């Protein structure tokens, strides 16, 4: 046995040694890198597009390597769009029962639409592109490019909203507490002239008559034709919004509480060529003796005090200075603008938030937009306060959903400048929001928020109706209890609610489910019940079963819904929602 065991052990050792040698031969001694069995990807030559696109022209202006990068050729949709729309004319005219007048109207409509498309300039758009890249952690640069065919004629959107970049002088006025500002070139005179020409060429007599009536009304009111007034606009408009931390405004909440927010202010700006608009408004205001008139050098200002106790400063003001017309919520804003422009007060351009956003940005352009994070912080604060009150309306589920949805998009700051160049529009922006989130989140958040917002009032209405029905049931129980009490007490009705403790199982019947102070209603007991907490009033006391017209006597009434319990036990439901 020992001999065979030794032989068996020796054979095992030989087999083990052979296996080990084979493993080492196949895998090396462990100090070599594992050889890959994946075949290298074959080299491929770049594919050139068989159709002409503006890819190179657009992407040359974008930032590669960031979190957002996209190009879309639009030629296949927009090139020759007017002809494709016009191609549907015969199909529309072939509709049955159209009649001669209907065919004339359809023909006019197609003529109008095709002319508008051709004159708008959209057919010359060849492609759009967008990119986003982090300049530093949490700070991003976003670009958006709209490219046009440079061989196409200029017109429409390529001239109405600016022909070439210009210095952004409007930034020089903005006060330091500005939280939103925007300005854009817009040739209203050219737009109105195009509208008038199209109306006259359209052949729609109703449109021509309506336009004539509008002109006559404006001329009677202002002494000038509408064309003259619109022609006095200088080709630009904008607005800015301020939040003044030094003054607080109290916003009432549904529960009666208030929320303190900085005092808001608004200024709307129009670029003008002359005094036509200001003089017209000034003449209109002359009949009001309360108007405060102020002419200080080039600054002409008219202010109308509001003789009402308001929680904020509201003194509507119109002012004219240089080539701009201002409409402001108060005259202090206009004076602050002038002081900032004169260098007497620090403005937005001196604020650290704006300086960071504006670093490396173009100093000229045709439009700009600024948003401060302070605006988002205040709006989020107001939104959170309002949503926190919505739970009392029976909408806890959609309220929680809305809070979650709105929390996705956190307050951010941004500064965006758009420039009209020879080959299209170029827009660049700096901000603290991730570019991909700025593009994608609205596509997701807005529809969901709309659905949740529509659900919220529906659920609130359903619960309100259920509470109203429950309130009626409470009144019925109270009426039955009063009737039982009268039967047991020689026909006399109870003196007060506490007299019915034997007839009412629980005092929770005396609390309307819609009462804001109904916390702990389900656990109330008679020993701990305070009659002052009841939601119902005992209207007619001292009744007996022999009182004439008992069925017309109101016994109990809900202070919330107004529903009434009559002395005969019937209930008249009110405020049914």
Protein backbone atom coordinates (compact mmCIF):
# COMPACT_ATOMS: atom_id res chain seq x y z
CA UNK A 1 0.00 0.00 0.00
CA UNK A 2 2.80 2.40 0.86
CA UNK A 3 4.59 1.61 -2.38
CA UNK A 4 1.49 2.31 -4.44
CA UNK A 5 0.82 5.49 -2.43
CA UNK A 6 4.30 6.78 -3.05
CA UNK A 7 4.00 5.98 -6.76
CA UNK A 8 0.60 7.72 -6.89
CA UNK A 9 2.01 10.78 -5.11
CA UNK A 10 4.95 10.97 -7.50
CA UNK A 11 2.66 10.73 -10.54
CA UNK A 12 0.47 13.52 -9.13
CA UNK A 13 3.48 15.74 -8.69
CA UNK A 14 4.58 15.11 -12.30
CA UNK A 15 1.11 15.94 -13.64
CA UNK A 16 0.90 19.12 -11.54
CA UNK A 17 4.33 20.21 -12.71
CA UNK A 18 3.34 19.68 -16.35
CA UNK A 19 0.18 21.71 -15.98
CA UNK A 20 2.14 24.53 -14.32
CA UNK A 21 4.67 24.58 -17.17
CA UNK A 22 1.90 24.77 -19.74
CA UNK A 23 0.21 27.65 -17.86
CA UNK A 24 3.49 29.56 -17.62
CA UNK A 25 4.17 28.97 -21.27
CA UNK A 26 0.76 30.27 -22.24
CA UNK A 27 0.65 33.33 -19.95
CA UNK A 28 4.26 34.20 -19.34
CA UNK A 29 5.85 34.43 -15.92
CA UNK A 30 3.49 37.11 -14.68
CA UNK A 31 5.77 40.05 -15.36
CA UNK A 32 4.61 40.64 -18.91
CA UNK A 33 1.57 42.72 -19.92
CA UNK A 34 -1.50 40.82 -21.06
CA UNK A 35 -1.66 40.78 -24.83
CA UNK A 36 -4.90 42.08 -26.30
CA UNK A 37 -6.82 39.89 -28.69
CA UNK A 38 -8.92 42.83 -29.98
CA UNK A 39 -8.09 43.72 -33.54
CA UNK A 40 -7.19 47.36 -34.11
CA UNK A 41 -9.87 49.48 -35.73
CA UNK A 42 -9.16 49.89 -39.41
CA UNK A 43 -8.34 53.38 -40.56
CA UNK A 44 -11.19 55.09 -42.39
CA UNK A 45 -11.00 58.02 -44.73
CA UNK A 46 -13.24 61.02 -43.96
CA UNK A 47 -16.56 61.15 -45.80
CA UNK A 48 -17.41 64.36 -47.60
CA UNK A 49 -21.05 65.44 -47.77
CA UNK A 50 -22.56 65.09 -51.22
CA UNK A 51 -24.79 68.08 -50.44
CA UNK A 52 -23.52 71.56 -49.69
CA UNK A 53 -23.92 72.63 -46.05
CA UNK A 54 -22.69 75.48 -43.86
CA UNK A 55 -21.08 73.08 -41.37
CA UNK A 56 -17.55 74.51 -41.67
CA UNK A 57 -18.70 78.13 -41.52
CA UNK A 58 -20.85 77.52 -38.42
CA UNK A 59 -18.56 75.20 -36.46
CA UNK A 60 -15.59 77.49 -37.02
CA UNK A 61 -17.29 79.90 -34.60
CA UNK A 62 -18.19 77.27 -31.95
CA UNK A 63 -16.19 75.86 -29.03
CA UNK A 64 -15.42 72.16 -29.36
CA UNK A 65 -14.70 69.88 -26.42
CA UNK A 66 -17.40 71.13 -24.06
CA UNK A 67 -20.61 69.64 -22.73
CA UNK A 68 -22.74 70.88 -25.65
CA UNK A 69 -21.96 70.87 -29.36
CA UNK A 70 -24.49 70.67 -32.21
CA UNK A 71 -25.02 71.71 -35.83
CA UNK A 72 -28.20 71.57 -37.86
CA UNK A 73 -28.45 72.29 -41.56
CA UNK A 74 -31.70 74.11 -42.33
CA UNK A 75 -31.41 74.41 -46.11
CA UNK A 76 -33.51 71.31 -46.70
CA UNK A 77 -36.44 73.02 -44.93
CA UNK A 78 -36.04 76.73 -45.54
CA UNK A 79 -34.50 77.00 -49.01
CA UNK A 80 -37.33 77.63 -51.46
CA UNK A 81 -39.91 77.53 -48.64
CA UNK A 82 -42.16 80.10 -50.34
CA UNK A 83 -42.32 77.98 -53.50
CA UNK A 84 -43.17 74.83 -51.53
CA UNK A 85 -45.94 76.64 -49.66
CA UNK A 86 -47.24 78.04 -52.93
CA UNK A 87 -47.25 74.49 -54.29
CA UNK A 88 -50.22 73.73 -52.05
CA UNK A 89 -52.31 76.42 -53.77
CA UNK A 90 -53.88 74.14 -56.37
CA UNK A 91 -54.67 71.51 -53.74
CA UNK A 92 -56.44 74.13 -51.62
CA UNK A 93 -58.35 75.52 -54.60
CA UNK A 94 -59.57 72.02 -55.50
CA UNK A 95 -61.51 71.65 -52.26
CA UNK A 96 -65.19 70.94 -52.89
CA UNK A 97 -67.90 73.53 -52.19
CA UNK A 98 -65.31 76.31 -52.03
CA UNK A 99 -67.19 78.64 -54.35
CA UNK A 100 -65.90 81.54 -56.39
CA UNK A 101 -65.57 83.89 -53.41
CA UNK A 102 -63.77 81.21 -51.42
CA UNK A 103 -61.28 80.63 -54.24
CA UNK A 104 -60.58 84.34 -54.42
CA UNK A 105 -59.93 84.47 -50.66
CA UNK A 106 -57.68 81.38 -50.80
CA UNK A 107 -55.68 82.89 -53.65
CA UNK A 108 -55.21 86.14 -51.72
CA UNK A 109 -54.13 84.22 -48.61
CA UNK A 110 -51.51 82.21 -50.52
CA UNK A 111 -50.21 85.36 -52.20
CA UNK A 112 -49.88 87.04 -48.80
CA UNK A 113 -48.12 84.09 -47.12
CA UNK A 114 -45.62 83.57 -49.95
CA UNK A 115 -44.77 87.29 -50.03
CA UNK A 116 -44.23 87.35 -46.27
CA UNK A 117 -41.91 84.34 -46.42
CA UNK A 118 -39.87 85.82 -49.26
CA UNK A 119 -39.53 89.23 -47.63
CA UNK A 120 -38.77 87.82 -44.14
CA UNK A 121 -35.31 86.56 -45.08
CA UNK A 122 -35.75 83.15 -43.43
CA UNK A 123 -35.14 81.32 -46.70
CA UNK A 124 -31.50 82.44 -46.63
CA UNK A 125 -30.78 80.66 -43.32
CA UNK A 126 -28.50 77.73 -44.16
CA UNK A 127 -27.72 76.33 -40.71
CA UNK A 128 -27.59 76.83 -36.96
CA UNK A 129 -25.10 75.71 -34.35
CA UNK A 130 -24.71 75.78 -30.59
CA UNK A 131 -21.87 74.98 -28.20
CA UNK A 132 -21.17 75.17 -24.50
CA UNK A 133 -17.90 74.84 -22.63
CA UNK A 134 -16.70 75.41 -19.07
CA UNK A 135 -14.25 78.32 -18.80
CA UNK A 136 -13.76 77.36 -15.17
CA UNK A 137 -15.63 75.09 -12.80
CA UNK A 138 -19.20 76.31 -12.54
CA UNK A 139 -18.70 79.11 -15.11
CA UNK A 140 -19.59 78.51 -18.77
CA UNK A 141 -19.47 80.06 -22.22
CA UNK A 142 -22.32 79.36 -24.63
CA UNK A 143 -22.39 80.24 -28.34
CA UNK A 144 -25.24 80.21 -30.81
CA UNK A 145 -24.77 80.81 -34.54
CA UNK A 146 -27.35 81.42 -37.27
CA UNK A 147 -25.68 81.34 -40.68
CA UNK A 148 -27.09 82.96 -43.83
CA UNK A 149 -26.29 82.59 -47.49
CA UNK A 150 -24.15 85.64 -48.22
CA UNK A 151 -25.23 85.53 -51.86
CA UNK A 152 -28.86 86.20 -50.90
CA UNK A 153 -30.37 89.66 -50.75
CA UNK A 154 -30.44 91.44 -47.39
CA UNK A 155 -33.87 92.13 -45.95
CA UNK A 156 -36.36 91.14 -43.31
CA UNK A 157 -34.74 89.75 -40.16
CA UNK A 158 -31.28 90.67 -41.47
CA UNK A 159 -32.01 94.41 -41.41
CA UNK A 160 -34.94 94.94 -39.02
CA UNK A 161 -33.00 93.76 -35.95
CA UNK A 162 -29.75 95.53 -36.74
CA UNK A 163 -27.36 95.85 -39.65
CA UNK A 164 -24.02 95.97 -37.84
CA UNK A 165 -22.76 95.82 -34.22
CA UNK A 166 -22.66 99.07 -32.25
CA UNK A 167 -21.44 100.04 -28.75
CA UNK A 168 -23.83 98.89 -26.02
CA UNK A 169 -24.32 102.33 -24.44
CA UNK A 170 -27.47 101.24 -22.61
CA UNK A 171 -25.29 99.34 -20.12
CA UNK A 172 -23.89 102.69 -18.96
CA UNK A 173 -27.27 103.64 -17.41
CA UNK A 174 -28.09 100.54 -15.42
CA UNK A 175 -28.14 101.01 -11.60
CA UNK A 176 -26.17 98.67 -9.36
CA UNK A 177 -29.34 96.96 -8.07
CA UNK A 178 -30.42 95.86 -11.58
CA UNK A 179 -31.35 92.16 -11.60
CA UNK A 180 -32.62 91.87 -15.17
CA UNK A 181 -31.94 93.96 -18.25
CA UNK A 182 -32.43 93.55 -21.96
CA UNK A 183 -32.13 95.74 -25.03
CA UNK A 184 -32.48 94.97 -28.73
CA UNK A 185 -32.46 96.85 -31.97
CA UNK A 186 -35.79 96.75 -33.75
CA UNK A 187 -36.78 98.99 -36.66
CA UNK A 188 -40.48 99.47 -35.89
CA UNK A 189 -40.84 101.89 -38.77
CA UNK A 190 -39.66 99.26 -41.27
CA UNK A 191 -41.95 96.63 -39.74
CA UNK A 192 -44.98 98.94 -39.84
CA UNK A 193 -44.20 99.99 -43.41
CA UNK A 194 -43.99 96.32 -44.44
CA UNK A 195 -47.32 95.61 -42.70
CA UNK A 196 -48.99 98.49 -44.51
CA UNK A 197 -47.62 97.42 -47.88
CA UNK A 198 -48.74 93.82 -47.37
CA UNK A 199 -52.23 94.90 -46.29
CA UNK A 200 -52.60 97.06 -49.39
CA UNK A 201 -51.30 94.32 -51.70
CA UNK A 202 -53.32 91.57 -50.03
CA UNK A 203 -56.64 92.76 -51.44
CA UNK A 204 -58.43 92.12 -48.13
CA UNK A 205 -60.74 95.12 -47.93
CA UNK A 206 -61.57 94.45 -44.25
CA UNK A 207 -57.89 94.71 -43.31
CA UNK A 208 -57.49 97.95 -45.26
CA UNK A 209 -60.55 99.47 -43.61
CA UNK A 210 -59.35 98.39 -40.15
CA UNK A 211 -55.97 99.96 -40.78
CA UNK A 212 -57.60 103.20 -41.92
CA UNK A 213 -59.81 103.34 -38.80
CA UNK A 214 -56.75 102.81 -36.61
CA UNK A 215 -54.91 105.65 -38.36
CA UNK A 216 -57.89 107.99 -37.97
CA UNK A 217 -58.24 107.19 -34.25
CA UNK A 218 -54.55 107.84 -33.56
CA UNK A 219 -54.58 111.06 -35.56
CA UNK A 220 -57.61 112.35 -33.63
CA UNK A 221 -55.95 111.57 -30.30
CA UNK A 222 -52.42 112.78 -31.04
CA UNK A 223 -52.73 115.21 -33.92
CA UNK A 224 -50.26 113.09 -35.87
CA UNK A 225 -50.66 110.18 -38.22
CA UNK A 226 -49.75 106.73 -36.97
CA UNK A 227 -47.00 106.48 -39.59
CA UNK A 228 -45.39 109.64 -38.20
CA UNK A 229 -45.53 108.43 -34.58
CA UNK A 230 -44.07 105.03 -35.40
CA UNK A 231 -41.49 106.72 -37.63
CA UNK A 232 -40.30 108.71 -34.61
CA UNK A 233 -39.02 105.51 -32.97
CA UNK A 234 -35.27 105.23 -33.34
CA UNK A 235 -34.90 101.51 -33.89
CA UNK A 236 -34.39 100.02 -30.44
CA UNK A 237 -36.22 99.15 -27.23
CA UNK A 238 -35.51 97.45 -23.93
CA UNK A 239 -36.20 97.37 -20.23
CA UNK A 240 -34.55 96.73 -16.90
CA UNK A 241 -35.81 95.51 -13.54
CA UNK A 242 -34.38 96.40 -10.12
CA UNK A 243 -34.70 95.01 -6.60
CA UNK A 244 -33.95 97.53 -3.86
CA UNK A 245 -32.78 95.76 -0.71
CA UNK A 246 -33.08 98.92 1.40
CA UNK A 247 -36.88 98.90 0.96
CA UNK A 248 -38.96 95.80 1.61
CA UNK A 249 -42.36 94.92 0.17
CA UNK A 250 -44.70 92.55 1.95
CA UNK A 251 -46.36 89.93 -0.26
CA UNK A 252 -49.54 88.46 1.26
CA UNK A 253 -49.73 84.65 1.36
CA UNK A 254 -52.90 82.51 1.24
CA UNK A 255 -52.79 81.84 4.98
CA UNK A 256 -52.69 85.54 5.85
CA UNK A 257 -48.95 85.61 6.55
CA UNK A 258 -46.63 87.92 4.60
CA UNK A 259 -43.29 87.51 2.86
CA UNK A 260 -40.74 90.34 2.74
CA UNK A 261 -38.99 90.86 -0.62
CA UNK A 262 -36.87 93.74 -1.98
CA UNK A 263 -38.86 96.57 -3.56
CA UNK A 264 -39.13 96.08 -7.34
CA UNK A 265 -38.72 98.79 -9.96
CA UNK A 266 -39.17 98.78 -13.73
CA UNK A 267 -37.99 101.04 -16.54
CA UNK A 268 -38.95 100.58 -20.21
CA UNK A 269 -36.65 102.24 -22.76
CA UNK A 270 -37.40 103.34 -26.32
CA UNK A 271 -34.90 104.77 -28.72
CA UNK A 272 -36.50 107.80 -30.47
CA UNK A 273 -35.60 110.26 -33.20
CA UNK A 274 -37.52 113.30 -31.92
CA UNK A 275 -39.96 114.61 -29.27
CA UNK A 276 -43.16 113.52 -31.04
CA UNK A 277 -44.09 110.74 -28.61
CA UNK A 278 -43.09 112.67 -25.47
CA UNK A 279 -44.95 115.81 -26.56
CA UNK A 280 -48.10 113.81 -27.35
CA UNK A 281 -48.10 112.20 -23.89
CA UNK A 282 -47.24 115.53 -22.28
CA UNK A 283 -50.25 117.21 -23.90
CA UNK A 284 -52.49 114.38 -22.72
CA UNK A 285 -51.27 114.82 -19.14
CA UNK A 286 -51.78 118.59 -19.05
CA UNK A 287 -55.38 118.17 -17.92
CA UNK A 288 -54.19 116.43 -14.74
CA UNK A 289 -53.20 119.07 -12.13
CA UNK A 290 -51.37 116.46 -10.02
CA UNK A 291 -48.70 115.88 -12.66
CA UNK A 292 -45.23 116.97 -11.52
CA UNK A 293 -43.27 118.54 -14.38
CA UNK A 294 -39.51 118.71 -14.27
CA UNK A 295 -37.15 120.02 -16.97
CA UNK A 296 -33.50 119.80 -15.95
CA UNK A 297 -31.25 120.49 -18.92
CA UNK A 298 -31.79 117.75 -21.49
CA UNK A 299 -33.85 115.70 -19.03
CA UNK A 300 -37.59 116.32 -19.36
CA UNK A 301 -39.67 114.36 -16.87
CA UNK A 302 -43.37 114.05 -16.01
CA UNK A 303 -44.42 112.19 -12.84
CA UNK A 304 -47.91 111.21 -11.69
CA UNK A 305 -48.16 110.55 -7.92
CA UNK A 306 -50.53 107.77 -6.89
CA UNK A 307 -52.64 108.94 -3.89
CA UNK A 308 -53.13 105.43 -2.54
CA UNK A 309 -51.37 103.70 0.36
CA UNK A 310 -49.29 101.15 -1.56
CA UNK A 311 -46.66 98.77 -0.14
CA UNK A 312 -44.13 99.98 -2.73
CA UNK A 313 -43.01 103.21 -4.37
CA UNK A 314 -45.24 103.75 -7.40
CA UNK A 315 -45.00 107.11 -9.16
CA UNK A 316 -45.46 106.45 -12.90
CA UNK A 317 -42.98 108.58 -14.81
CA UNK A 318 -42.23 109.39 -18.41
CA UNK A 319 -38.93 111.05 -19.31
CA UNK A 320 -37.00 112.14 -22.38
CA UNK A 321 -33.23 112.52 -22.53
CA UNK A 322 -30.95 112.47 -25.56
CA UNK A 323 -32.32 110.03 -28.10
CA UNK A 324 -34.19 107.89 -25.58
CA UNK A 325 -37.68 107.86 -24.06
CA UNK A 326 -38.17 106.26 -20.62
CA UNK A 327 -41.31 104.94 -18.93
CA UNK A 328 -40.57 104.14 -15.28
CA UNK A 329 -42.43 102.93 -12.20
CA UNK A 330 -41.05 105.90 -10.27
CA UNK A 331 -39.02 109.03 -10.88
CA UNK A 332 -36.20 107.95 -8.55
CA UNK A 333 -35.23 105.23 -11.01
CA UNK A 334 -34.86 107.75 -13.82
CA UNK A 335 -32.72 110.05 -11.67
CA UNK A 336 -30.56 107.12 -10.61
CA UNK A 337 -30.05 106.20 -14.27
CA UNK A 338 -28.86 109.70 -15.08
CA UNK A 339 -26.56 109.71 -12.03
CA UNK A 340 -25.04 106.38 -13.04
CA UNK A 341 -24.45 107.59 -16.59
CA UNK A 342 -22.80 110.76 -15.27
CA UNK A 343 -20.54 108.72 -12.99
CA UNK A 344 -22.09 110.08 -9.79
CA UNK A 345 -23.38 106.67 -8.67
CA UNK A 346 -21.85 103.22 -9.15
CA UNK A 347 -23.72 101.25 -11.78
CA UNK A 348 -24.15 97.65 -12.80
CA UNK A 349 -20.87 97.63 -14.73
CA UNK A 350 -19.01 98.15 -11.44
CA UNK A 351 -20.70 95.18 -9.72
CA UNK A 352 -18.48 92.12 -9.20
CA UNK A 353 -21.10 89.74 -10.58
CA UNK A 354 -21.38 91.68 -13.84
CA UNK A 355 -17.63 92.22 -14.21
CA UNK A 356 -17.05 88.49 -14.00
CA UNK A 357 -19.77 87.78 -16.56
CA UNK A 358 -18.58 90.50 -18.96
CA UNK A 359 -14.92 89.48 -18.95
CA UNK A 360 -13.93 88.44 -22.47
CA UNK A 361 -17.35 89.34 -23.91
CA UNK A 362 -17.86 91.57 -26.99
CA UNK A 363 -18.11 95.27 -26.20
CA UNK A 364 -20.44 95.90 -29.13
CA UNK A 365 -23.52 94.18 -30.47
CA UNK A 366 -27.15 94.59 -31.50
CA UNK A 367 -28.80 93.20 -28.38
CA UNK A 368 -27.93 92.05 -24.88
CA UNK A 369 -29.55 90.35 -21.91
CA UNK A 370 -28.40 90.29 -18.28
CA UNK A 371 -29.82 88.19 -15.45
CA UNK A 372 -28.55 88.40 -11.87
CA UNK A 373 -28.64 85.44 -9.53
CA UNK A 374 -30.41 87.72 -7.03
CA UNK A 375 -33.52 87.64 -9.23
CA UNK A 376 -33.57 83.84 -9.19
CA UNK A 377 -33.02 83.77 -5.43
CA UNK A 378 -35.98 86.09 -4.78
CA UNK A 379 -38.28 84.26 -7.21
CA UNK A 380 -37.33 80.93 -5.65
CA UNK A 381 -38.06 82.34 -2.20
CA UNK A 382 -41.51 83.57 -3.27
CA UNK A 383 -42.23 80.32 -5.08
CA UNK A 384 -41.24 78.21 -2.07
CA UNK A 385 -43.41 80.32 0.23
CA UNK A 386 -46.46 80.01 -2.03
CA UNK A 387 -46.03 76.27 -2.59
CA UNK A 388 -45.58 75.71 1.14
CA UNK A 389 -49.05 77.21 1.64
CA UNK A 390 -50.66 75.04 -1.04
CA UNK A 391 -50.76 71.99 1.23
CA UNK A 392 -53.76 73.47 3.00
CA UNK A 393 -55.66 73.34 -0.28
CA UNK A 394 -55.49 69.59 -0.42
CA UNK A 395 -52.82 69.46 -3.08
CA UNK A 396 -49.91 67.93 -1.18
CA UNK A 397 -48.91 65.52 -3.97
CA UNK A 398 -48.76 68.01 -6.89
CA UNK A 399 -47.26 70.63 -4.59
CA UNK A 400 -44.40 68.29 -3.70
CA UNK A 401 -44.01 67.49 -7.40
CA UNK A 402 -43.84 71.17 -8.33
CA UNK A 403 -41.31 71.84 -5.60
CA UNK A 404 -39.15 69.00 -6.94
CA UNK A 405 -39.48 70.21 -10.54
CA UNK A 406 -38.62 73.81 -9.72
CA UNK A 407 -35.65 72.77 -7.60
CA UNK A 408 -34.00 71.22 -10.68
CA UNK A 409 -33.30 74.63 -12.19
CA UNK A 410 -31.31 76.54 -9.59
CA UNK A 411 -30.89 80.35 -9.74
CA UNK A 412 -28.16 81.38 -12.16
CA UNK A 413 -26.61 84.52 -13.58
CA UNK A 414 -25.86 85.26 -17.23
CA UNK A 415 -24.84 87.95 -19.70
CA UNK A 416 -25.57 87.41 -23.39
CA UNK A 417 -24.64 89.57 -26.39
CA UNK A 418 -25.91 89.08 -29.95
CA UNK A 419 -24.20 90.54 -32.99
CA UNK A 420 -25.39 90.88 -36.57
CA UNK A 421 -22.49 89.95 -38.84
CA UNK A 422 -22.14 89.73 -42.61
CA UNK A 423 -22.82 85.98 -42.62
CA UNK A 424 -25.57 85.86 -40.02
CA UNK A 425 -26.13 86.18 -36.28
CA UNK A 426 -23.53 85.34 -33.64
CA UNK A 427 -24.56 85.12 -29.98
CA UNK A 428 -22.21 84.49 -27.07
CA UNK A 429 -23.02 84.30 -23.38
CA UNK A 430 -21.30 83.77 -20.05
CA UNK A 431 -23.17 82.31 -17.11
CA UNK A 432 -23.26 79.98 -14.17
CA UNK A 433 -25.75 77.49 -15.62
CA UNK A 434 -24.52 74.37 -17.40
CA UNK A 435 -25.18 75.01 -21.13
CA UNK A 436 -26.67 71.57 -21.74
CA UNK A 437 -29.07 72.11 -18.82
CA UNK A 438 -30.07 75.52 -20.18
CA UNK A 439 -31.08 73.90 -23.48
CA UNK A 440 -32.53 70.55 -22.36
CA UNK A 441 -34.10 71.25 -18.95
CA UNK A 442 -36.77 73.67 -20.24
CA UNK A 443 -37.87 71.00 -22.73
CA UNK A 444 -38.47 68.63 -19.81
CA UNK A 445 -39.37 70.91 -16.92
CA UNK A 446 -41.86 73.18 -18.69
CA UNK A 447 -44.25 70.46 -19.96
CA UNK A 448 -44.14 68.58 -16.65
CA UNK A 449 -44.66 71.78 -14.67
CA UNK A 450 -47.60 72.70 -16.89
CA UNK A 451 -49.24 69.32 -16.34
CA UNK A 452 -48.63 69.53 -12.59
CA UNK A 453 -49.91 73.10 -12.55
CA UNK A 454 -53.09 72.04 -14.29
CA UNK A 455 -53.50 69.14 -11.88
CA UNK A 456 -53.06 71.33 -8.80
CA UNK A 457 -56.27 73.40 -9.12
CA UNK A 458 -58.23 70.33 -10.22
CA UNK A 459 -57.25 68.42 -7.09
CA UNK A 460 -57.78 71.48 -4.93
CA UNK A 461 -61.27 71.91 -6.35
CA UNK A 462 -62.07 68.23 -5.79
CA UNK A 463 -60.99 68.39 -2.16
CA UNK A 464 -62.83 71.67 -1.62
CA UNK A 465 -66.01 70.03 -2.90
CA UNK A 466 -65.47 67.01 -0.65
CA UNK A 467 -64.94 69.31 2.35
CA UNK A 468 -68.15 71.17 1.53
CA UNK A 469 -70.09 67.88 1.44
CA UNK A 470 -68.51 66.77 4.73
CA UNK A 471 -69.49 70.13 6.25
CA UNK A 472 -73.14 69.52 5.23
CA UNK A 473 -73.00 66.13 6.93
CA UNK A 474 -71.72 67.81 10.10
CA UNK A 475 -74.66 70.21 10.04
CA UNK A 476 -77.10 67.33 9.56
CA UNK A 477 -75.65 65.55 12.61
CA UNK A 478 -75.87 68.76 14.62
CA UNK A 479 -79.50 69.27 13.52
CA UNK A 480 -80.37 65.67 14.45
CA UNK A 481 -78.65 66.07 17.83
CA UNK A 482 -80.59 69.29 18.51
CA UNK A 483 -83.87 67.55 17.58
CA UNK A 484 -83.11 64.59 19.92
CA UNK A 485 -82.20 67.04 22.69
CA UNK A 486 -85.53 68.86 22.21
CA UNK A 487 -87.46 65.58 22.38
CA UNK A 488 -85.76 64.72 25.69
CA UNK A 489 -86.16 68.22 27.16
CA UNK A 490 -89.86 69.12 26.78
CA UNK A 491 -89.44 70.51 23.24
CA UNK A 492 -86.73 73.04 24.11
CA UNK A 493 -83.67 73.24 21.87
CA UNK A 494 -80.17 73.22 23.48
CA UNK A 495 -78.76 76.45 24.92
CA UNK A 496 -75.33 75.92 23.33
CA UNK A 497 -73.11 73.30 21.73
CA UNK A 498 -71.89 71.85 25.02
CA UNK A 499 -75.48 71.00 25.91
CA UNK A 500 -75.42 68.33 23.17
CA UNK A 501 -72.50 66.27 24.49
CA UNK A 502 -74.81 63.28 25.01
CA UNK A 503 -76.32 63.55 21.53
CA UNK A 504 -73.08 64.12 19.60
CA UNK A 505 -70.60 61.24 19.67
CA UNK A 506 -67.53 63.48 19.25
CA UNK A 507 -66.83 67.21 19.16
CA UNK A 508 -64.97 66.81 15.86
CA UNK A 509 -68.39 67.32 14.20
CA UNK A 510 -68.19 70.95 15.36
CA UNK A 511 -65.02 71.57 13.29
CA UNK A 512 -65.45 72.10 9.54
CA UNK A 513 -62.87 70.08 7.55
CA UNK A 514 -62.07 73.25 5.56
CA UNK A 515 -61.24 75.21 8.71
CA UNK A 516 -57.51 76.18 8.62
CA UNK A 517 -57.42 75.51 12.40
CA UNK A 518 -58.62 71.92 12.15
CA UNK A 519 -55.37 70.33 13.35
CA UNK A 520 -56.10 67.43 15.70
CA UNK A 521 -59.79 67.44 14.74
CA UNK A 522 -60.03 63.63 14.61
CA UNK A 523 -58.69 63.17 18.16
CA UNK A 524 -60.88 65.74 19.94
CA UNK A 525 -62.75 64.67 23.06
CA UNK A 526 -65.44 66.49 25.03
CA UNK A 527 -63.33 66.94 28.19
CA UNK A 528 -60.62 68.75 26.20
CA UNK A 529 -62.84 70.60 23.72
CA UNK A 530 -62.84 74.41 23.69
CA UNK A 531 -66.21 75.72 22.31
CA UNK A 532 -64.45 78.78 20.85
CA UNK A 533 -62.75 76.47 18.36
CA UNK A 534 -65.98 75.51 16.61
CA UNK A 535 -66.35 76.42 12.94
CA UNK A 536 -70.11 76.86 13.32
CA UNK A 537 -72.23 79.56 14.87
CA UNK A 538 -75.42 79.01 16.87
CA UNK A 539 -77.68 81.46 15.03
CA UNK A 540 -81.16 81.31 16.65
CA UNK A 541 -81.36 80.41 20.32
CA UNK A 542 -84.38 79.84 22.57
CA UNK A 543 -86.39 77.87 20.04
CA UNK A 544 -88.96 75.22 20.93
CA UNK A 545 -90.68 72.60 18.85
CA UNK A 546 -93.85 74.72 18.99
CA UNK A 547 -92.17 77.86 17.59
CA UNK A 548 -94.13 79.02 14.50
CA UNK A 549 -92.25 78.71 11.20
CA UNK A 550 -89.67 76.42 12.73
CA UNK A 551 -88.63 75.13 9.30
CA UNK A 552 -87.55 78.65 8.33
CA UNK A 553 -85.45 79.31 11.42
CA UNK A 554 -81.67 79.02 10.94
CA UNK A 555 -80.24 77.01 13.80
CA UNK A 556 -76.57 76.57 12.85
CA UNK A 557 -74.37 78.15 10.14
CA UNK A 558 -70.85 77.26 8.92
CA UNK A 559 -68.48 80.22 9.08
CA UNK A 560 -66.39 78.76 6.24
CA UNK A 561 -68.95 77.70 3.61
CA UNK A 562 -72.03 79.58 4.77
CA UNK A 563 -74.15 76.40 4.69
CA UNK A 564 -77.10 76.50 7.11
CA UNK A 565 -78.97 73.95 9.21
CA UNK A 566 -82.62 74.82 9.76
CA UNK A 567 -84.47 74.06 12.99
CA UNK A 568 -86.40 71.24 11.32
CA UNK A 569 -83.09 69.46 10.52
CA UNK A 570 -82.90 70.34 6.82
CA UNK A 571 -79.63 71.74 5.46
CA UNK A 572 -79.19 74.43 2.79
CA UNK A 573 -75.83 73.98 1.12
CA UNK A 574 -74.02 77.19 0.14
CA UNK A 575 -70.74 78.00 -1.58
CA UNK A 576 -70.80 74.67 -3.40
CA UNK A 577 -67.43 74.30 -5.15
